[in-house]
PDB file of N, CA and C in Angstrom:
ATOM      1  N   UNK A   1      56.459 119.108 -51.106  1.00  0.00           N
ATOM      2  CA  UNK A   1      55.096 118.808 -51.068  1.00  0.00           C
ATOM      3  C   UNK A   1      54.322 119.902 -49.562  1.00  0.00           C
ATOM      4  N   UNK A   2      53.305 120.845 -50.394  1.00  0.00           N
ATOM      5  CA  UNK A   2      52.420 121.381 -49.498  1.00  0.00           C
ATOM      6  C   UNK A   2      51.245 120.547 -48.820  1.00  0.00           C
ATOM      7  N   UNK A   3      51.422 121.659 -47.878  1.00  0.00           N
ATOM      8  CA  UNK A   3      50.243 120.900 -46.647  1.00  0.00           C
ATOM      9  C   UNK A   3      48.621 120.505 -47.202  1.00  0.00           C
ATOM     10  N   UNK A   4      48.163 119.554 -47.487  1.00  0.00           N
ATOM     11  CA  UNK A   4      46.914 119.784 -48.040  1.00  0.00           C
ATOM     12  C   UNK A   4      45.778 120.565 -46.756  1.00  0.00           C
ATOM     13  N   UNK A   5      45.467 121.532 -46.782  1.00  0.00           N
ATOM     14  CA  UNK A   5      44.509 122.051 -46.229  1.00  0.00           C
ATOM     15  C   UNK A   5      42.773 121.455 -45.965  1.00  0.00           C
ATOM     16  N   UNK A   6      42.168 121.450 -47.281  1.00  0.00           N
ATOM     17  CA  UNK A   6      41.208 121.168 -47.665  1.00  0.00           C
ATOM     18  C   UNK A   6      40.754 120.060 -47.361  1.00  0.00           C
ATOM     19  N   UNK A   7      40.824 118.731 -46.231  1.00  0.00           N
ATOM     20  CA  UNK A   7      40.171 118.574 -45.365  1.00  0.00           C
ATOM     21  C   UNK A   7      39.744 118.569 -43.992  1.00  0.00           C
ATOM     22  N   UNK A   8      40.262 119.643 -43.754  1.00  0.00           N
ATOM     23  CA  UNK A   8      39.951 120.363 -42.540  1.00  0.00           C
ATOM     24  C   UNK A   8      39.114 121.530 -42.468  1.00  0.00           C
ATOM     25  N   UNK A   9      38.437 121.851 -43.858  1.00  0.00           N
ATOM     26  CA  UNK A   9      37.546 123.191 -43.803  1.00  0.00           C
ATOM     27  C   UNK A   9      36.296 122.653 -44.095  1.00  0.00           C
ATOM     28  N   UNK A  10      35.337 123.484 -43.654  1.00  0.00           N
ATOM     29  CA  UNK A  10      33.984 123.161 -44.676  1.00  0.00           C
ATOM     30  C   UNK A  10      32.747 124.575 -44.898  1.00  0.00           C
ATOM     31  N   UNK A  11      32.065 124.032 -45.804  1.00  0.00           N
ATOM     32  CA  UNK A  11      31.230 125.286 -45.892  1.00  0.00           C
ATOM     33  C   UNK A  11      29.734 124.492 -46.137  1.00  0.00           C
ATOM     34  N   UNK A  12      29.037 124.993 -44.848  1.00  0.00           N
ATOM     35  CA  UNK A  12      27.430 124.683 -45.125  1.00  0.00           C
ATOM     36  C   UNK A  12      26.420 125.547 -44.657  1.00  0.00           C
ATOM     37  N   UNK A  13      25.773 125.483 -45.278  1.00  0.00           N
ATOM     38  CA  UNK A  13      24.575 126.394 -45.209  1.00  0.00           C
ATOM     39  C   UNK A  13      24.098 127.068 -43.711  1.00  0.00           C
ATOM     40  N   UNK A  14      24.252 125.587 -42.761  1.00  0.00           N
ATOM     41  CA  UNK A  14      23.625 125.622 -41.682  1.00  0.00           C
ATOM     42  C   UNK A  14      24.504 126.344 -40.372  1.00  0.00           C
ATOM     43  N   UNK A  15      26.089 126.105 -41.013  1.00  0.00           N
ATOM     44  CA  UNK A  15      27.154 126.783 -40.292  1.00  0.00           C
ATOM     45  C   UNK A  15      27.712 127.834 -40.750  1.00  0.00           C
ATOM     46  N   UNK A  16      27.409 129.382 -39.471  1.00  0.00           N
ATOM     47  CA  UNK A  16      27.417 130.932 -40.136  1.00  0.00           C
ATOM     48  C   UNK A  16      27.287 130.850 -41.571  1.00  0.00           C
ATOM     49  N   UNK A  17      26.151 130.587 -41.695  1.00  0.00           N
ATOM     50  CA  UNK A  17      25.965 131.413 -42.975  1.00  0.00           C
ATOM     51  C   UNK A  17      26.594 130.689 -44.142  1.00  0.00           C
ATOM     52  N   UNK A  18      27.384 129.731 -44.481  1.00  0.00           N
ATOM     53  CA  UNK A  18      27.902 128.839 -45.452  1.00  0.00           C
ATOM     54  C   UNK A  18      29.036 129.441 -45.220  1.00  0.00           C
ATOM     55  N   UNK A  19      30.138 130.568 -44.868  1.00  0.00           N
ATOM     56  CA  UNK A  19      31.211 130.849 -44.663  1.00  0.00           C
ATOM     57  C   UNK A  19      32.321 129.535 -44.464  1.00  0.00           C
ATOM     58  N   UNK A  20      33.499 129.607 -44.683  1.00  0.00           N
ATOM     59  CA  UNK A  20      34.262 128.986 -44.782  1.00  0.00           C
ATOM     60  C   UNK A  20      34.396 128.732 -42.877  1.00  0.00           C
ATOM     61  N   UNK A  21      34.832 127.664 -42.737  1.00  0.00           N
ATOM     62  CA  UNK A  21      35.246 127.372 -41.246  1.00  0.00           C
ATOM     63  C   UNK A  21      35.785 126.081 -40.968  1.00  0.00           C
ATOM     64  N   UNK A  22      36.743 126.083 -39.518  1.00  0.00           N
ATOM     65  CA  UNK A  22      37.411 124.799 -39.521  1.00  0.00           C
ATOM     66  C   UNK A  22      36.438 124.135 -39.616  1.00  0.00           C
ATOM     67  N   UNK A  23      36.347 123.020 -40.117  1.00  0.00           N
ATOM     68  CA  UNK A  23      35.533 121.519 -39.884  1.00  0.00           C
ATOM     69  C   UNK A  23      35.284 121.368 -38.193  1.00  0.00           C
ATOM     70  N   UNK A  24      33.927 120.633 -38.346  1.00  0.00           N
ATOM     71  CA  UNK A  24      33.566 120.083 -37.165  1.00  0.00           C
ATOM     72  C   UNK A  24      33.287 121.412 -36.160  1.00  0.00           C
ATOM     73  N   UNK A  25      33.772 123.081 -36.817  1.00  0.00           N
ATOM     74  CA  UNK A  25      33.390 123.635 -35.427  1.00  0.00           C
ATOM     75  C   UNK A  25      32.676 124.696 -36.177  1.00  0.00           C
ATOM     76  N   UNK A  26      32.291 125.838 -35.415  1.00  0.00           N
ATOM     77  CA  UNK A  26      31.658 127.372 -35.649  1.00  0.00           C
ATOM     78  C   UNK A  26      32.760 128.389 -36.064  1.00  0.00           C
ATOM     79  N   UNK A  27      33.792 128.020 -36.254  1.00  0.00           N
ATOM     80  CA  UNK A  27      35.411 129.133 -36.470  1.00  0.00           C
ATOM     81  C   UNK A  27      34.883 129.702 -37.935  1.00  0.00           C
ATOM     82  N   UNK A  28      35.235 130.718 -38.149  1.00  0.00           N
ATOM     83  CA  UNK A  28      35.476 130.778 -39.344  1.00  0.00           C
ATOM     84  C   UNK A  28      36.823 131.099 -39.225  1.00  0.00           C
ATOM     85  N   UNK A  29      37.496 130.672 -41.079  1.00  0.00           N
ATOM     86  CA  UNK A  29      38.524 130.760 -40.845  1.00  0.00           C
ATOM     87  C   UNK A  29      39.176 132.693 -41.447  1.00  0.00           C
ATOM     88  N   UNK A  30      38.445 133.044 -41.867  1.00  0.00           N
ATOM     89  CA  UNK A  30      39.001 134.664 -41.864  1.00  0.00           C
ATOM     90  C   UNK A  30      38.869 134.612 -40.171  1.00  0.00           C
ATOM     91  N   UNK A  31      38.359 134.579 -39.302  1.00  0.00           N
ATOM     92  CA  UNK A  31      38.556 134.867 -37.891  1.00  0.00           C
ATOM     93  C   UNK A  31      39.426 134.546 -37.713  1.00  0.00           C
ATOM     94  N   UNK A  32      40.152 133.209 -37.710  1.00  0.00           N
ATOM     95  CA  UNK A  32      41.599 132.952 -37.065  1.00  0.00           C
ATOM     96  C   UNK A  32      42.315 133.397 -38.273  1.00  0.00           C
ATOM     97  N   UNK A  33      42.229 133.987 -39.215  1.00  0.00           N
ATOM     98  CA  UNK A  33      43.714 134.756 -40.320  1.00  0.00           C
ATOM     99  C   UNK A  33      43.743 136.290 -39.654  1.00  0.00           C
ATOM    100  N   UNK A  34      42.520 136.991 -39.180  1.00  0.00           N
ATOM    101  CA  UNK A  34      42.490 137.507 -38.553  1.00  0.00           C
ATOM    102  C   UNK A  34      43.016 138.086 -37.348  1.00  0.00           C
ATOM    103  N   UNK A  35      42.578 136.695 -36.692  1.00  0.00           N
ATOM    104  CA  UNK A  35      43.634 137.138 -35.630  1.00  0.00           C
ATOM    105  C   UNK A  35      45.094 136.933 -35.468  1.00  0.00           C
ATOM    106  N   UNK A  36      45.658 136.172 -36.821  1.00  0.00           N
ATOM    107  CA  UNK A  36      47.044 136.390 -36.959  1.00  0.00           C
ATOM    108  C   UNK A  36      47.534 137.473 -37.227  1.00  0.00           C
ATOM    109  N   UNK A  37      46.753 138.419 -38.370  1.00  0.00           N
ATOM    110  CA  UNK A  37      47.141 138.939 -38.205  1.00  0.00           C
ATOM    111  C   UNK A  37      47.032 140.696 -37.808  1.00  0.00           C
ATOM    112  N   UNK A  38      46.436 140.337 -36.560  1.00  0.00           N
ATOM    113  CA  UNK A  38      46.484 141.604 -35.092  1.00  0.00           C
ATOM    114  C   UNK A  38      47.101 140.719 -34.679  1.00  0.00           C
ATOM    115  N   UNK A  39      48.591 140.231 -34.939  1.00  0.00           N
ATOM    116  CA  UNK A  39      49.506 139.768 -33.962  1.00  0.00           C
ATOM    117  C   UNK A  39      49.051 138.544 -33.049  1.00  0.00           C
ATOM    118  N   UNK A  40      48.019 137.773 -32.748  1.00  0.00           N
ATOM    119  CA  UNK A  40      47.940 136.803 -31.787  1.00  0.00           C
ATOM    120  C   UNK A  40      48.826 135.704 -32.548  1.00  0.00           C
ATOM    121  N   UNK A  41      49.562 134.907 -31.503  1.00  0.00           N
ATOM    122  CA  UNK A  41      49.794 133.656 -31.821  1.00  0.00           C
ATOM    123  C   UNK A  41      49.145 132.482 -32.090  1.00  0.00           C
ATOM    124  N   UNK A  42      49.725 131.406 -32.293  1.00  0.00           N
ATOM    125  CA  UNK A  42      49.019 130.333 -32.871  1.00  0.00           C
ATOM    126  C   UNK A  42      48.574 130.005 -31.223  1.00  0.00           C
ATOM    127  N   UNK A  43      49.590 129.785 -30.167  1.00  0.00           N
ATOM    128  CA  UNK A  43      48.950 129.567 -29.293  1.00  0.00           C
ATOM    129  C   UNK A  43      47.702 130.210 -28.302  1.00  0.00           C
ATOM    130  N   UNK A  44      47.784 131.140 -28.551  1.00  0.00           N
ATOM    131  CA  UNK A  44      47.241 132.177 -27.950  1.00  0.00           C
ATOM    132  C   UNK A  44      45.350 131.577 -28.758  1.00  0.00           C
ATOM    133  N   UNK A  45      45.978 131.724 -30.133  1.00  0.00           N
ATOM    134  CA  UNK A  45      44.234 131.752 -30.788  1.00  0.00           C
ATOM    135  C   UNK A  45      43.939 130.156 -30.197  1.00  0.00           C
ATOM    136  N   UNK A  46      44.716 129.485 -30.124  1.00  0.00           N
ATOM    137  CA  UNK A  46      44.251 128.147 -29.929  1.00  0.00           C
ATOM    138  C   UNK A  46      43.542 127.474 -28.661  1.00  0.00           C
ATOM    139  N   UNK A  47      43.889 128.641 -27.341  1.00  0.00           N
ATOM    140  CA  UNK A  47      43.770 129.483 -26.582  1.00  0.00           C
ATOM    141  C   UNK A  47      42.439 129.603 -26.647  1.00  0.00           C
ATOM    142  N   UNK A  48      41.940 130.706 -27.246  1.00  0.00           N
ATOM    143  CA  UNK A  48      40.555 131.336 -27.747  1.00  0.00           C
ATOM    144  C   UNK A  48      39.829 130.423 -28.217  1.00  0.00           C
ATOM    145  N   UNK A  49      40.233 130.076 -29.079  1.00  0.00           N
ATOM    146  CA  UNK A  49      39.170 128.907 -30.038  1.00  0.00           C
ATOM    147  C   UNK A  49      39.160 127.499 -29.459  1.00  0.00           C
ATOM    148  N   UNK A  50      39.010 126.940 -28.444  1.00  0.00           N
ATOM    149  CA  UNK A  50      39.732 125.661 -28.165  1.00  0.00           C
ATOM    150  C   UNK A  50      38.520 124.477 -28.919  1.00  0.00           C
ATOM    151  N   UNK A  51      38.000 124.898 -29.461  1.00  0.00           N
ATOM    152  CA  UNK A  51      37.492 123.898 -30.447  1.00  0.00           C
ATOM    153  C   UNK A  51      38.071 123.382 -32.211  1.00  0.00           C
ATOM    154  N   UNK A  52      39.224 124.791 -31.911  1.00  0.00           N
ATOM    155  CA  UNK A  52      40.120 124.754 -33.322  1.00  0.00           C
ATOM    156  C   UNK A  52      41.196 123.791 -32.488  1.00  0.00           C
ATOM    157  N   UNK A  53      41.284 122.369 -33.775  1.00  0.00           N
ATOM    158  CA  UNK A  53      42.777 121.675 -33.210  1.00  0.00           C
ATOM    159  C   UNK A  53      43.551 122.603 -33.719  1.00  0.00           C
ATOM    160  N   UNK A  54      45.287 121.827 -33.534  1.00  0.00           N
ATOM    161  CA  UNK A  54      46.292 122.308 -33.937  1.00  0.00           C
ATOM    162  C   UNK A  54      46.150 122.064 -35.510  1.00  0.00           C
ATOM    163  N   UNK A  55      45.881 120.742 -35.679  1.00  0.00           N
ATOM    164  CA  UNK A  55      46.288 120.340 -37.132  1.00  0.00           C
ATOM    165  C   UNK A  55      44.853 121.905 -38.326  1.00  0.00           C
ATOM    166  N   UNK A  56      43.379 121.893 -37.560  1.00  0.00           N
ATOM    167  CA  UNK A  56      42.988 122.998 -38.273  1.00  0.00           C
ATOM    168  C   UNK A  56      44.029 124.626 -38.246  1.00  0.00           C
ATOM    169  N   UNK A  57      44.498 124.854 -37.336  1.00  0.00           N
ATOM    170  CA  UNK A  57      45.399 125.584 -37.291  1.00  0.00           C
ATOM    171  C   UNK A  57      46.332 126.152 -38.582  1.00  0.00           C
ATOM    172  N   UNK A  58      47.134 124.671 -38.564  1.00  0.00           N
ATOM    173  CA  UNK A  58      48.024 124.542 -39.152  1.00  0.00           C
ATOM    174  C   UNK A  58      47.542 124.657 -40.750  1.00  0.00           C
ATOM    175  N   UNK A  59      46.554 124.383 -41.157  1.00  0.00           N
ATOM    176  CA  UNK A  59      45.606 124.436 -42.371  1.00  0.00           C
ATOM    177  C   UNK A  59      45.236 125.664 -42.647  1.00  0.00           C
ATOM    178  N   UNK A  60      44.950 126.435 -41.603  1.00  0.00           N
ATOM    179  CA  UNK A  60      44.251 128.151 -42.197  1.00  0.00           C
ATOM    180  C   UNK A  60      45.920 128.712 -42.541  1.00  0.00           C
ATOM    181  N   UNK A  61      47.191 128.275 -41.959  1.00  0.00           N
ATOM    182  CA  UNK A  61      48.311 129.106 -42.468  1.00  0.00           C
ATOM    183  C   UNK A  61      48.519 128.493 -43.876  1.00  0.00           C
ATOM    184  N   UNK A  62      48.197 127.262 -43.982  1.00  0.00           N
ATOM    185  CA  UNK A  62      48.848 127.072 -45.334  1.00  0.00           C
ATOM    186  C   UNK A  62      47.942 127.326 -46.448  1.00  0.00           C
ATOM    187  N   UNK A  63      46.509 127.578 -46.254  1.00  0.00           N
ATOM    188  CA  UNK A  63      45.554 127.966 -46.824  1.00  0.00           C
ATOM    189  C   UNK A  63      45.916 129.568 -47.072  1.00  0.00           C
ATOM    190  N   UNK A  64      46.290 130.581 -46.371  1.00  0.00           N
ATOM    191  CA  UNK A  64      46.986 131.675 -46.271  1.00  0.00           C
ATOM    192  C   UNK A  64      48.163 132.363 -47.298  1.00  0.00           C
ATOM    193  N   UNK A  65      48.843 131.118 -46.832  1.00  0.00           N
ATOM    194  CA  UNK A  65      50.171 130.870 -48.075  1.00  0.00           C
ATOM    195  C   UNK A  65      50.053 130.707 -49.402  1.00  0.00           C
ATOM    196  N   UNK A  66      49.237 129.521 -49.574  1.00  0.00           N
ATOM    197  CA  UNK A  66      48.345 129.246 -50.979  1.00  0.00           C
ATOM    198  C   UNK A  66      47.431 130.301 -51.795  1.00  0.00           C
ATOM    199  N   UNK A  67      46.543 130.748 -50.733  1.00  0.00           N
ATOM    200  CA  UNK A  67      45.800 132.092 -51.331  1.00  0.00           C
ATOM    201  C   UNK A  67      47.360 133.171 -51.885  1.00  0.00           C
ATOM    202  N   UNK A  68      48.235 133.388 -50.938  1.00  0.00           N
ATOM    203  CA  UNK A  68      49.078 134.715 -51.230  1.00  0.00           C
ATOM    204  C   UNK A  68      49.525 134.144 -52.760  1.00  0.00           C
ATOM    205  N   UNK A  69      50.131 132.705 -52.686  1.00  0.00           N
ATOM    206  CA  UNK A  69      50.805 132.721 -53.601  1.00  0.00           C
ATOM    207  C   UNK A  69      50.190 132.148 -54.873  1.00  0.00           C
ATOM    208  N   UNK A  70      49.173 132.201 -54.745  1.00  0.00           N
ATOM    209  CA  UNK A  70      47.869 131.846 -55.924  1.00  0.00           C
ATOM    210  C   UNK A  70      47.625 133.784 -56.367  1.00  0.00           C
ATOM    211  N   UNK A  71      47.371 134.660 -55.756  1.00  0.00           N
ATOM    212  CA  UNK A  71      46.065 135.999 -55.935  1.00  0.00           C
ATOM    213  C   UNK A  71      47.664 137.083 -56.044  1.00  0.00           C
ATOM    214  N   UNK A  72      48.887 136.692 -55.208  1.00  0.00           N
ATOM    215  CA  UNK A  72      49.518 138.120 -55.446  1.00  0.00           C
ATOM    216  C   UNK A  72      51.048 138.038 -56.498  1.00  0.00           C
ATOM    217  N   UNK A  73      50.982 139.416 -57.257  1.00  0.00           N
ATOM    218  CA  UNK A  73      52.202 139.147 -58.345  1.00  0.00           C
ATOM    219  C   UNK A  73      53.576 139.188 -58.054  1.00  0.00           C
ATOM    220  N   UNK A  74      54.135 138.458 -58.130  1.00  0.00           N
ATOM    221  CA  UNK A  74      55.472 138.475 -57.326  1.00  0.00           C
ATOM    222  C   UNK A  74      56.248 139.475 -58.624  1.00  0.00           C
ATOM    223  N   UNK A  75      56.769 140.465 -57.967  1.00  0.00           N
ATOM    224  CA  UNK A  75      57.785 141.163 -58.988  1.00  0.00           C
ATOM    225  C   UNK A  75      59.116 140.521 -59.090  1.00  0.00           C
ATOM    226  N   UNK A  76      59.691 141.146 -60.374  1.00  0.00           N
ATOM    227  CA  UNK A  76      60.695 140.244 -61.324  1.00  0.00           C
ATOM    228  C   UNK A  76      62.143 140.546 -59.920  1.00  0.00           C
ATOM    229  N   UNK A  77      62.988 139.350 -60.291  1.00  0.00           N
ATOM    230  CA  UNK A  77      64.431 139.912 -59.779  1.00  0.00           C
ATOM    231  C   UNK A  77      64.954 140.761 -60.508  1.00  0.00           C
ATOM    232  N   UNK A  78      65.403 141.701 -59.248  1.00  0.00           N
ATOM    233  CA  UNK A  78      66.453 142.638 -60.246  1.00  0.00           C
ATOM    234  C   UNK A  78      67.969 141.853 -60.461  1.00  0.00           C
ATOM    235  N   UNK A  79      68.013 142.279 -61.856  1.00  0.00           N
ATOM    236  CA  UNK A  79      68.908 141.958 -62.213  1.00  0.00           C
ATOM    237  C   UNK A  79      70.771 142.380 -61.834  1.00  0.00           C
ATOM    238  N   UNK A  80      71.663 141.863 -61.875  1.00  0.00           N
ATOM    239  CA  UNK A  80      72.482 142.064 -60.771  1.00  0.00           C
ATOM    240  C   UNK A  80      73.707 142.667 -61.843  1.00  0.00           C
ATOM    241  N   UNK A  81      73.858 143.866 -61.029  1.00  0.00           N
ATOM    242  CA  UNK A  81      75.319 144.867 -61.697  1.00  0.00           C
ATOM    243  C   UNK A  81      76.079 144.055 -61.968  1.00  0.00           C
TER     244      UNK A  81
END
């Protein structure tokens, strides 16, 4: 069973212009994903964004994993010779 990330995110027009953020914060999910992509560790990100709870960071990672699974076509497994 996969981690349900939905309860950890929200979009409100009055918070970051409606961008998806970690619930209860003003930290956009895309900012956290960019930090991961740049090589920051989860611990570093949580230190840089103290309003983001550890479960919120787990939700960001689960969101990324699910998005990749949904959007990226996987090449077929090569046949064994």
